[in-house]
Amino acid sequence: MPPIPSECQSPFGAGGTSREDELISRDDIQREYKYPTRRWLELAALSGNGPPYLKLSGRMVRYRRGDFEAWLSSRVVTSTSQEVA
């Protein structure tokens, strides 16, 4: 069998996706990161204050792991008087 041309290969290797592109649910986030809770994520989605998410159907929401972790990193502060980005 001939090799697959490089332009047709996945940029993420044999697995097909990188860890940053992995889609995770609100339950996954609560289980792996402990915070924010599923309920907080639901309320944040309503107000627009949470991490970016994908709405796959009327009730199915997923987060790209990389987007979620970037959002978490953007909330790091060094003082209680510092505003969150």
PDB file of N, CA and C in Angstrom:
ATOM      1  N   MET A   1       0.849  -1.181   0.000  1.00  0.00           N
ATOM      2  CA  MET A   1       0.000   0.000   0.000  1.00  0.00           C
ATOM      3  C   MET A   1       0.897   1.247   0.000  1.00  0.00           C
ATOM      4  N   PRO A   2       0.618   2.228  -0.864  1.00  0.00           N
ATOM      5  CA  PRO A   2       1.449   3.434  -0.920  1.00  0.00           C
ATOM      6  C   PRO A   2       1.228   4.305   0.314  1.00  0.00           C
ATOM      7  N   PRO A   3       2.244   5.108   0.709  1.00  0.00           N
ATOM      8  CA  PRO A   3       2.089   5.980   1.882  1.00  0.00           C
ATOM      9  C   PRO A   3       1.066   7.076   1.622  1.00  0.00           C
ATOM     10  N   ILE A   4       0.468   7.563   2.687  1.00  0.00           N
ATOM     11  CA  ILE A   4      -0.516   8.651   2.591  1.00  0.00           C
ATOM     12  C   ILE A   4       0.241   9.960   2.411  1.00  0.00           C
ATOM     13  N   PRO A   5      -0.134  10.768   1.401  1.00  0.00           N
ATOM     14  CA  PRO A   5       0.549  12.056   1.207  1.00  0.00           C
ATOM     15  C   PRO A   5       0.440  12.923   2.456  1.00  0.00           C
ATOM     16  N   SER A   6       1.504  13.674   2.739  1.00  0.00           N
ATOM     17  CA  SER A   6       1.539  14.473   3.965  1.00  0.00           C
ATOM     18  C   SER A   6       0.401  15.479   4.040  1.00  0.00           C
ATOM     19  N   GLU A   7      -0.052  16.028   2.905  1.00  0.00           N
ATOM     20  CA  GLU A   7      -1.140  17.005   2.942  1.00  0.00           C
ATOM     21  C   GLU A   7      -2.483  16.371   3.312  1.00  0.00           C
ATOM     22  N   CYS A   8      -2.558  15.036   3.274  1.00  0.00           N
ATOM     23  CA  CYS A   8      -3.794  14.332   3.636  1.00  0.00           C
ATOM     24  C   CYS A   8      -3.758  13.790   5.057  1.00  0.00           C
ATOM     25  N   GLN A   9      -2.607  13.848   5.697  1.00  0.00           N
ATOM     26  CA  GLN A   9      -2.489  13.317   7.050  1.00  0.00           C
ATOM     27  C   GLN A   9      -2.975  14.327   8.065  1.00  0.00           C
ATOM     28  N   SER A  10      -3.467  13.824   9.164  1.00  0.00           N
ATOM     29  CA  SER A  10      -3.919  14.683  10.249  1.00  0.00           C
ATOM     30  C   SER A  10      -2.728  15.409  10.865  1.00  0.00           C
ATOM     31  N   PRO A  11      -2.855  16.701  11.134  1.00  0.00           N
ATOM     32  CA  PRO A  11      -1.768  17.417  11.801  1.00  0.00           C
ATOM     33  C   PRO A  11      -1.600  16.992  13.254  1.00  0.00           C
ATOM     34  N   PHE A  12      -2.517  16.181  13.770  1.00  0.00           N
ATOM     35  CA  PHE A  12      -2.496  15.766  15.167  1.00  0.00           C
ATOM     36  C   PHE A  12      -1.965  14.359  15.346  1.00  0.00           C
ATOM     37  N   GLY A  13      -1.446  13.752  14.313  1.00  0.00           N
ATOM     38  CA  GLY A  13      -0.910  12.406  14.425  1.00  0.00           C
ATOM     39  C   GLY A  13      -1.991  11.356  14.238  1.00  0.00           C
ATOM     40  N   ALA A  14      -1.682  10.139  14.620  1.00  0.00           N
ATOM     41  CA  ALA A  14      -2.571   9.013  14.373  1.00  0.00           C
ATOM     42  C   ALA A  14      -3.881   9.105  15.131  1.00  0.00           C
ATOM     43  N   GLY A  15      -3.902   9.768  16.292  1.00  0.00           N
ATOM     44  CA  GLY A  15      -5.115   9.846  17.088  1.00  0.00           C
ATOM     45  C   GLY A  15      -6.200  10.700  16.465  1.00  0.00           C
ATOM     46  N   GLY A  16      -5.834  11.638  15.609  1.00  0.00           N
ATOM     47  CA  GLY A  16      -6.824  12.445  14.915  1.00  0.00           C
ATOM     48  C   GLY A  16      -7.079  13.802  15.535  1.00  0.00           C
ATOM     49  N   THR A  17      -6.936  13.943  16.848  1.00  0.00           N
ATOM     50  CA  THR A  17      -7.154  15.243  17.479  1.00  0.00           C
ATOM     51  C   THR A  17      -6.108  15.474  18.559  1.00  0.00           C
ATOM     52  N   SER A  18      -5.845  16.735  18.826  1.00  0.00           N
ATOM     53  CA  SER A  18      -4.925  17.059  19.915  1.00  0.00           C
ATOM     54  C   SER A  18      -5.717  17.148  21.211  1.00  0.00           C
ATOM     55  N   ARG A  19      -5.026  17.167  22.304  1.00  0.00           N
ATOM     56  CA  ARG A  19      -5.695  17.302  23.606  1.00  0.00           C
ATOM     57  C   ARG A  19      -6.447  18.622  23.673  1.00  0.00           C
ATOM     58  N   GLU A  20      -5.893  19.689  23.088  1.00  0.00           N
ATOM     59  CA  GLU A  20      -6.552  20.997  23.119  1.00  0.00           C
ATOM     60  C   GLU A  20      -7.869  20.994  22.367  1.00  0.00           C
ATOM     61  N   ASP A  21      -7.986  20.175  21.330  1.00  0.00           N
ATOM     62  CA  ASP A  21      -9.212  20.120  20.529  1.00  0.00           C
ATOM     63  C   ASP A  21     -10.239  19.137  21.075  1.00  0.00           C
ATOM     64  N   GLU A  22      -9.864  18.388  22.100  1.00  0.00           N
ATOM     65  CA  GLU A  22     -10.778  17.410  22.691  1.00  0.00           C
ATOM     66  C   GLU A  22     -12.028  18.121  23.212  1.00  0.00           C
ATOM     67  N   LEU A  23     -13.203  17.560  22.923  1.00  0.00           N
ATOM     68  CA  LEU A  23     -14.460  18.127  23.407  1.00  0.00           C
ATOM     69  C   LEU A  23     -14.806  17.498  24.745  1.00  0.00           C
ATOM     70  N   ILE A  24     -15.114  18.347  25.722  1.00  0.00           N
ATOM     71  CA  ILE A  24     -15.446  17.856  27.052  1.00  0.00           C
ATOM     72  C   ILE A  24     -16.775  18.454  27.498  1.00  0.00           C
ATOM     73  N   SER A  25     -17.498  17.707  28.308  1.00  0.00           N
ATOM     74  CA  SER A  25     -18.808  18.130  28.797  1.00  0.00           C
ATOM     75  C   SER A  25     -18.672  18.893  30.114  1.00  0.00           C
ATOM     76  N   ARG A  26     -19.766  19.442  30.563  1.00  0.00           N
ATOM     77  CA  ARG A  26     -19.766  20.121  31.868  1.00  0.00           C
ATOM     78  C   ARG A  26     -19.467  19.131  32.988  1.00  0.00           C
ATOM     79  N   ASP A  27     -19.993  17.930  32.864  1.00  0.00           N
ATOM     80  CA  ASP A  27     -19.691  16.901  33.869  1.00  0.00           C
ATOM     81  C   ASP A  27     -18.206  16.552  33.867  1.00  0.00           C
ATOM     82  N   ASP A  28     -17.594  16.472  32.672  1.00  0.00           N
ATOM     83  CA  ASP A  28     -16.157  16.199  32.585  1.00  0.00           C
ATOM     84  C   ASP A  28     -15.365  17.284  33.298  1.00  0.00           C
ATOM     85  N   ILE A  29     -15.754  18.539  33.082  1.00  0.00           N
ATOM     86  CA  ILE A  29     -15.053  19.663  33.707  1.00  0.00           C
ATOM     87  C   ILE A  29     -15.158  19.577  35.222  1.00  0.00           C
ATOM     88  N   GLN A  30     -16.351  19.330  35.724  1.00  0.00           N
ATOM     89  CA  GLN A  30     -16.527  19.249  37.178  1.00  0.00           C
ATOM     90  C   GLN A  30     -15.724  18.084  37.758  1.00  0.00           C
ATOM     91  N   ARG A  31     -15.711  16.965  37.066  1.00  0.00           N
ATOM     92  CA  ARG A  31     -14.989  15.783  37.550  1.00  0.00           C
ATOM     93  C   ARG A  31     -13.466  16.000  37.503  1.00  0.00           C
ATOM     94  N   GLU A  32     -12.952  16.575  36.419  1.00  0.00           N
ATOM     95  CA  GLU A  32     -11.507  16.705  36.249  1.00  0.00           C
ATOM     96  C   GLU A  32     -10.909  17.924  36.941  1.00  0.00           C
ATOM     97  N   TYR A  33     -11.640  19.046  36.931  1.00  0.00           N
ATOM     98  CA  TYR A  33     -11.078  20.291  37.446  1.00  0.00           C
ATOM     99  C   TYR A  33     -11.662  20.687  38.809  1.00  0.00           C
ATOM    100  N   LYS A  34     -12.747  20.062  39.210  1.00  0.00           N
ATOM    101  CA  LYS A  34     -13.442  20.313  40.492  1.00  0.00           C
ATOM    102  C   LYS A  34     -14.180  21.651  40.529  1.00  0.00           C
ATOM    103  N   TYR A  35     -13.711  22.618  39.802  1.00  0.00           N
ATOM    104  CA  TYR A  35     -14.370  23.914  39.714  1.00  0.00           C
ATOM    105  C   TYR A  35     -14.137  24.436  38.318  1.00  0.00           C
ATOM    106  N   PRO A  36     -15.055  25.073  37.696  1.00  0.00           N
ATOM    107  CA  PRO A  36     -16.381  25.413  38.189  1.00  0.00           C
ATOM    108  C   PRO A  36     -17.331  24.222  38.130  1.00  0.00           C
ATOM    109  N   THR A  37     -18.396  24.322  38.886  1.00  0.00           N
ATOM    110  CA  THR A  37     -19.383  23.248  38.911  1.00  0.00           C
ATOM    111  C   THR A  37     -20.218  23.281  37.643  1.00  0.00           C
ATOM    112  N   ARG A  38     -20.924  22.207  37.400  1.00  0.00           N
ATOM    113  CA  ARG A  38     -21.824  22.121  36.247  1.00  0.00           C
ATOM    114  C   ARG A  38     -22.850  23.261  36.290  1.00  0.00           C
ATOM    115  N   ARG A  39     -23.417  23.502  37.453  1.00  0.00           N
ATOM    116  CA  ARG A  39     -24.433  24.549  37.590  1.00  0.00           C
ATOM    117  C   ARG A  39     -23.842  25.932  37.309  1.00  0.00           C
ATOM    118  N   TRP A  40     -22.635  26.191  37.800  1.00  0.00           N
ATOM    119  CA  TRP A  40     -22.005  27.480  37.540  1.00  0.00           C
ATOM    120  C   TRP A  40     -21.796  27.662  36.042  1.00  0.00           C
ATOM    121  N   LEU A  41     -21.353  26.607  35.355  1.00  0.00           N
ATOM    122  CA  LEU A  41     -21.151  26.689  33.905  1.00  0.00           C
ATOM    123  C   LEU A  41     -22.459  26.968  33.176  1.00  0.00           C
ATOM    124  N   GLU A  42     -23.562  26.353  33.637  1.00  0.00           N
ATOM    125  CA  GLU A  42     -24.876  26.608  33.032  1.00  0.00           C
ATOM    126  C   GLU A  42     -25.260  28.072  33.184  1.00  0.00           C
ATOM    127  N   LEU A  43     -25.099  28.603  34.390  1.00  0.00           N
ATOM    128  CA  LEU A  43     -25.450  30.007  34.641  1.00  0.00           C
ATOM    129  C   LEU A  43     -24.522  30.954  33.887  1.00  0.00           C
ATOM    130  N   ALA A  44     -23.246  30.626  33.805  1.00  0.00           N
ATOM    131  CA  ALA A  44     -22.285  31.461  33.090  1.00  0.00           C
ATOM    132  C   ALA A  44     -22.595  31.490  31.596  1.00  0.00           C
ATOM    133  N   ALA A  45     -23.086  30.379  31.058  1.00  0.00           N
ATOM    134  CA  ALA A  45     -23.459  30.350  29.640  1.00  0.00           C
ATOM    135  C   ALA A  45     -24.641  31.282  29.385  1.00  0.00           C
ATOM    136  N   LEU A  46     -25.555  31.352  30.332  1.00  0.00           N
ATOM    137  CA  LEU A  46     -26.706  32.258  30.194  1.00  0.00           C
ATOM    138  C   LEU A  46     -26.281  33.720  30.215  1.00  0.00           C
ATOM    139  N   SER A  47     -25.341  34.043  31.079  1.00  0.00           N
ATOM    140  CA  SER A  47     -24.930  35.438  31.241  1.00  0.00           C
ATOM    141  C   SER A  47     -23.773  35.834  30.316  1.00  0.00           C
ATOM    142  N   GLY A  48     -23.118  34.860  29.706  1.00  0.00           N
ATOM    143  CA  GLY A  48     -21.991  35.151  28.834  1.00  0.00           C
ATOM    144  C   GLY A  48     -20.683  35.362  29.565  1.00  0.00           C
ATOM    145  N   ASN A  49     -20.610  34.954  30.837  1.00  0.00           N
ATOM    146  CA  ASN A  49     -19.401  35.166  31.648  1.00  0.00           C
ATOM    147  C   ASN A  49     -18.472  33.962  31.711  1.00  0.00           C
ATOM    148  N   GLY A  50     -18.846  32.874  31.091  1.00  0.00           N
ATOM    149  CA  GLY A  50     -18.046  31.666  31.207  1.00  0.00           C
ATOM    150  C   GLY A  50     -17.145  31.435  30.019  1.00  0.00           C
ATOM    151  N   PRO A  51     -16.567  30.250  29.974  1.00  0.00           N
ATOM    152  CA  PRO A  51     -15.682  29.901  28.868  1.00  0.00           C
ATOM    153  C   PRO A  51     -16.472  29.716  27.573  1.00  0.00           C
ATOM    154  N   PRO A  52     -15.818  29.894  26.425  1.00  0.00           N
ATOM    155  CA  PRO A  52     -16.514  29.667  25.152  1.00  0.00           C
ATOM    156  C   PRO A  52     -16.905  28.199  25.031  1.00  0.00           C
ATOM    157  N   TYR A  53     -18.035  27.949  24.396  1.00  0.00           N
ATOM    158  CA  TYR A  53     -18.519  26.580  24.268  1.00  0.00           C
ATOM    159  C   TYR A  53     -19.145  26.362  22.901  1.00  0.00           C
ATOM    160  N   LEU A  54     -19.360  25.099  22.577  1.00  0.00           N
ATOM    161  CA  LEU A  54     -20.014  24.702  21.339  1.00  0.00           C
ATOM    162  C   LEU A  54     -21.400  24.182  21.685  1.00  0.00           C
ATOM    163  N   LYS A  55     -22.398  24.659  21.011  1.00  0.00           N
ATOM    164  CA  LYS A  55     -23.752  24.154  21.211  1.00  0.00           C
ATOM    165  C   LYS A  55     -24.045  23.199  20.064  1.00  0.00           C
ATOM    166  N   LEU A  56     -23.984  21.912  20.348  1.00  0.00           N
ATOM    167  CA  LEU A  56     -24.090  20.894  19.318  1.00  0.00           C
ATOM    168  C   LEU A  56     -25.525  20.545  18.973  1.00  0.00           C
ATOM    169  N   SER A  57     -26.429  20.768  19.903  1.00  0.00           N
ATOM    170  CA  SER A  57     -27.861  20.574  19.668  1.00  0.00           C
ATOM    171  C   SER A  57     -28.596  21.430  20.690  1.00  0.00           C
ATOM    172  N   GLY A  58     -29.890  21.315  20.744  1.00  0.00           N
ATOM    173  CA  GLY A  58     -30.677  22.136  21.649  1.00  0.00           C
ATOM    174  C   GLY A  58     -30.224  22.079  23.097  1.00  0.00           C
ATOM    175  N   ARG A  59     -29.763  20.901  23.538  1.00  0.00           N
ATOM    176  CA  ARG A  59     -29.378  20.750  24.939  1.00  0.00           C
ATOM    177  C   ARG A  59     -27.962  20.222  25.140  1.00  0.00           C
ATOM    178  N   MET A  60     -27.235  19.976  24.050  1.00  0.00           N
ATOM    179  CA  MET A  60     -25.891  19.407  24.173  1.00  0.00           C
ATOM    180  C   MET A  60     -24.831  20.493  23.996  1.00  0.00           C
ATOM    181  N   VAL A  61     -24.070  20.701  25.059  1.00  0.00           N
ATOM    182  CA  VAL A  61     -23.001  21.703  25.078  1.00  0.00           C
ATOM    183  C   VAL A  61     -21.681  20.992  25.328  1.00  0.00           C
ATOM    184  N   ARG A  62     -20.657  21.393  24.583  1.00  0.00           N
ATOM    185  CA  ARG A  62     -19.308  20.869  24.801  1.00  0.00           C
ATOM    186  C   ARG A  62     -18.321  22.026  24.775  1.00  0.00           C
ATOM    187  N   TYR A  63     -17.211  21.829  25.449  1.00  0.00           N
ATOM    188  CA  TYR A  63     -16.144  22.816  25.519  1.00  0.00           C
ATOM    189  C   TYR A  63     -14.899  22.208  24.899  1.00  0.00           C
ATOM    190  N   ARG A  64     -14.158  22.995  24.141  1.00  0.00           N
ATOM    191  CA  ARG A  64     -12.841  22.542  23.698  1.00  0.00           C
ATOM    192  C   ARG A  64     -11.917  22.670  24.904  1.00  0.00           C
ATOM    193  N   ARG A  65     -11.193  21.612  25.195  1.00  0.00           N
ATOM    194  CA  ARG A  65     -10.320  21.619  26.376  1.00  0.00           C
ATOM    195  C   ARG A  65      -9.364  22.816  26.329  1.00  0.00           C
ATOM    196  N   GLY A  66      -8.790  23.107  25.173  1.00  0.00           N
ATOM    197  CA  GLY A  66      -7.863  24.224  25.044  1.00  0.00           C
ATOM    198  C   GLY A  66      -8.525  25.561  25.334  1.00  0.00           C
ATOM    199  N   ASP A  67      -9.779  25.749  24.854  1.00  0.00           N
ATOM    200  CA  ASP A  67     -10.509  26.991  25.129  1.00  0.00           C
ATOM    201  C   ASP A  67     -10.798  27.130  26.617  1.00  0.00           C
ATOM    202  N   PHE A  68     -11.214  26.019  27.242  1.00  0.00           N
ATOM    203  CA  PHE A  68     -11.526  26.053  28.664  1.00  0.00           C
ATOM    204  C   PHE A  68     -10.275  26.386  29.485  1.00  0.00           C
ATOM    205  N   GLU A  69      -9.154  25.737  29.168  1.00  0.00           N
ATOM    206  CA  GLU A  69      -7.927  25.979  29.923  1.00  0.00           C
ATOM    207  C   GLU A  69      -7.396  27.393  29.692  1.00  0.00           C
ATOM    208  N   ALA A  70      -7.572  27.929  28.481  1.00  0.00           N
ATOM    209  CA  ALA A  70      -7.167  29.322  28.212  1.00  0.00           C
ATOM    210  C   ALA A  70      -8.036  30.277  29.024  1.00  0.00           C
ATOM    211  N   TRP A  71      -9.330  29.996  29.113  1.00  0.00           N
ATOM    212  CA  TRP A  71     -10.246  30.823  29.907  1.00  0.00           C
ATOM    213  C   TRP A  71      -9.832  30.781  31.381  1.00  0.00           C
ATOM    214  N   LEU A  72      -9.518  29.593  31.886  1.00  0.00           N
ATOM    215  CA  LEU A  72      -9.059  29.470  33.278  1.00  0.00           C
ATOM    216  C   LEU A  72      -7.793  30.301  33.499  1.00  0.00           C
ATOM    217  N   SER A  73      -6.847  30.198  32.590  1.00  0.00           N
ATOM    218  CA  SER A  73      -5.586  30.940  32.715  1.00  0.00           C
ATOM    219  C   SER A  73      -5.805  32.443  32.697  1.00  0.00           C
ATOM    220  N   SER A  74      -6.812  32.896  31.963  1.00  0.00           N
ATOM    221  CA  SER A  74      -7.079  34.335  31.875  1.00  0.00           C
ATOM    222  C   SER A  74      -7.643  34.896  33.172  1.00  0.00           C
ATOM    223  N   ARG A  75      -8.032  34.036  34.088  1.00  0.00           N
ATOM    224  CA  ARG A  75      -8.640  34.458  35.340  1.00  0.00           C
ATOM    225  C   ARG A  75      -7.655  34.495  36.504  1.00  0.00           C
ATOM    226  N   VAL A  76      -6.389  34.293  36.226  1.00  0.00           N
ATOM    227  CA  VAL A  76      -5.354  34.328  37.266  1.00  0.00           C
ATOM    228  C   VAL A  76      -5.109  35.788  37.665  1.00  0.00           C
ATOM    229  N   VAL A  77      -5.141  36.049  38.955  1.00  0.00           N
ATOM    230  CA  VAL A  77      -4.885  37.400  39.489  1.00  0.00           C
ATOM    231  C   VAL A  77      -3.828  37.297  40.591  1.00  0.00           C
ATOM    232  N   THR A  78      -3.229  38.439  40.918  1.00  0.00           N
ATOM    233  CA  THR A  78      -2.198  38.456  41.972  1.00  0.00           C
ATOM    234  C   THR A  78      -2.611  39.286  43.166  1.00  0.00           C
ATOM    235  N   SER A  79      -3.796  39.912  43.077  1.00  0.00           N
ATOM    236  CA  SER A  79      -4.282  40.760  44.157  1.00  0.00           C
ATOM    237  C   SER A  79      -5.806  40.710  44.188  1.00  0.00           C
ATOM    238  N   THR A  80      -6.398  40.844  45.367  1.00  0.00           N
ATOM    239  CA  THR A  80      -7.852  40.830  45.460  1.00  0.00           C
ATOM    240  C   THR A  80      -8.488  42.051  44.800  1.00  0.00           C
ATOM    241  N   SER A  81      -7.713  43.109  44.613  1.00  0.00           N
ATOM    242  CA  SER A  81      -8.253  44.309  43.966  1.00  0.00           C
ATOM    243  C   SER A  81      -8.126  44.270  42.445  1.00  0.00           C
ATOM    244  N   GLN A  82      -7.446  43.274  41.931  1.00  0.00           N
ATOM    245  CA  GLN A  82      -7.235  43.158  40.482  1.00  0.00           C
ATOM    246  C   GLN A  82      -8.495  42.642  39.795  1.00  0.00           C
ATOM    247  N   GLU A  83      -8.828  43.257  38.668  1.00  0.00           N
ATOM    248  CA  GLU A  83      -9.976  42.824  37.872  1.00  0.00           C
ATOM    249  C   GLU A  83      -9.606  41.585  37.064  1.00  0.00           C
ATOM    250  N   VAL A  84     -10.579  40.716  36.865  1.00  0.00           N
ATOM    251  CA  VAL A  84     -10.392  39.535  36.021  1.00  0.00           C
ATOM    252  C   VAL A  84     -10.584  39.959  34.591  1.00  0.00           C
ATOM    253  N   ALA A  85      -9.718  39.471  33.715  1.00  0.00           N
ATOM    254  CA  ALA A  85      -9.777  39.838  32.281  1.00  0.00           C
ATOM    255  C   ALA A  85     -11.069  39.385  31.645  1.00  0.00           C
TER     256      ALA A  85
END
